[in-house]
Amino acid sequence: MTTDGATDIEIFTKWPFLLGTAASITLSTFIDGVLADSNTGYATYFQGGSLSYFSSSAQGNTPSAGTHTITWKFQAAGTGISTSDGVSGAAHA
């Protein structure tokens, strides 16, 4: 995304479903590798959902002028060595 340094932004992330056997799944949005927003769900099956992130000059988080990279991460909780720590699903930005 390219910004002018003065305009605030909205990042809207939507997913149709998630399926996981982990204790929880955290859905995170990053701007240039810095966490902007996250949500954690505690169930094995998640209906579709969404996250919205808004920048604001009042909060001092308006992106600087230039090009920025938006990334998403779906992280399952657990030890990381068990097959029960997995997540599968679909996401659309």
Protein backbone atom coordinates (compact mmCIF):
# COMPACT_ATOMS: atom_id res chain seq x y z
CA MET A 1 0.00 0.00 0.00
CA THR A 2 1.27 3.53 -0.74
CA THR A 3 0.32 6.38 1.58
CA ASP A 4 0.81 10.14 1.54
CA GLY A 5 1.64 10.49 5.25
CA ALA A 6 -1.48 12.52 6.04
CA THR A 7 -4.38 10.22 5.18
CA ASP A 8 -5.54 7.63 7.69
CA ILE A 9 -6.19 4.09 6.51
CA GLU A 10 -8.51 1.15 7.16
CA ILE A 11 -7.38 -2.45 6.77
CA PHE A 12 -10.31 -4.86 6.56
CA THR A 13 -9.57 -8.59 6.82
CA LYS A 14 -12.29 -11.17 6.22
CA TRP A 15 -12.24 -14.98 6.35
CA PRO A 16 -15.04 -17.44 5.47
CA PHE A 17 -14.05 -20.10 8.00
CA LEU A 18 -11.25 -21.52 10.14
CA LEU A 19 -10.91 -25.03 11.43
CA GLY A 20 -8.40 -25.92 14.08
CA THR A 21 -7.86 -28.37 16.88
CA ALA A 22 -5.60 -26.11 18.93
CA ALA A 23 -6.79 -24.51 22.17
CA SER A 24 -7.01 -21.14 20.41
CA ILE A 25 -6.22 -19.42 17.13
CA THR A 26 -4.91 -15.84 16.99
CA LEU A 27 -5.56 -13.82 13.84
CA SER A 28 -3.16 -10.88 13.41
CA THR A 29 -2.69 -8.00 10.96
CA PHE A 30 0.75 -6.38 10.55
CA ILE A 31 1.96 -3.17 8.87
CA ASP A 32 5.64 -3.38 7.92
CA GLY A 33 6.07 -6.26 10.37
CA VAL A 34 4.56 -4.35 13.31
CA LEU A 35 1.38 -5.75 14.89
CA ALA A 36 -1.57 -3.49 14.10
CA ASP A 37 -4.50 -5.62 15.33
CA SER A 38 -5.29 -9.14 16.52
CA ASN A 39 -8.12 -11.30 17.76
CA THR A 40 -8.03 -14.70 19.50
CA GLY A 41 -10.76 -17.31 19.14
CA TYR A 42 -11.27 -20.24 21.52
CA ALA A 43 -13.10 -23.04 19.68
CA THR A 44 -12.27 -25.82 17.26
CA TYR A 45 -14.51 -24.45 14.51
CA PHE A 46 -14.84 -20.76 13.74
CA GLN A 47 -17.53 -19.27 11.56
CA GLY A 48 -16.42 -16.60 9.14
CA GLY A 49 -15.42 -13.28 10.62
CA SER A 50 -13.49 -10.09 10.11
CA LEU A 51 -11.08 -7.62 11.68
CA SER A 52 -10.92 -3.91 10.92
CA TYR A 53 -7.92 -1.75 11.76
CA PHE A 54 -8.13 2.05 11.56
CA SER A 55 -5.23 4.46 11.84
CA SER A 56 -5.83 7.85 13.43
CA SER A 57 -3.85 11.06 13.72
CA ALA A 58 -5.32 11.41 17.24
CA GLN A 59 -3.67 8.10 18.17
CA GLY A 60 -0.48 9.01 16.34
CA ASN A 61 -0.46 5.92 14.14
CA THR A 62 -1.10 7.42 10.69
CA PRO A 63 1.34 5.67 8.33
CA SER A 64 4.23 7.78 7.08
CA ALA A 65 4.46 8.70 3.40
CA GLY A 66 5.73 5.83 1.29
CA THR A 67 5.09 2.19 0.52
CA HIS A 68 4.03 -0.18 3.29
CA THR A 69 3.54 -3.95 3.40
CA ILE A 70 0.41 -5.47 4.95
CA THR A 71 0.63 -9.09 6.16
CA TRP A 72 -1.61 -11.48 8.08
CA LYS A 73 -0.84 -14.37 10.40
CA PHE A 74 -3.09 -17.14 11.70
CA GLN A 75 -1.32 -18.68 14.71
CA ALA A 76 -2.49 -21.81 16.52
CA ALA A 77 -1.76 -22.07 20.24
CA GLY A 78 0.09 -25.14 21.47
CA THR A 79 3.52 -26.67 21.77
CA GLY A 80 4.16 -26.61 18.04
CA ILE A 81 5.16 -30.28 17.96
CA SER A 82 1.71 -31.87 18.03
CA THR A 83 -0.47 -32.55 15.00
CA SER A 84 -3.34 -31.23 17.14
CA ASP A 85 -1.87 -27.70 17.01
CA GLY A 86 -2.90 -27.12 13.41
CA VAL A 87 -5.10 -24.60 11.64
CA SER A 88 -6.71 -24.94 8.24
CA GLY A 89 -9.07 -22.58 6.50
CA ALA A 90 -9.37 -19.79 4.02
CA ALA A 91 -8.77 -16.05 4.23
CA HIS A 92 -9.45 -13.17 1.85
CA ALA A 93 -8.18 -9.63 2.20
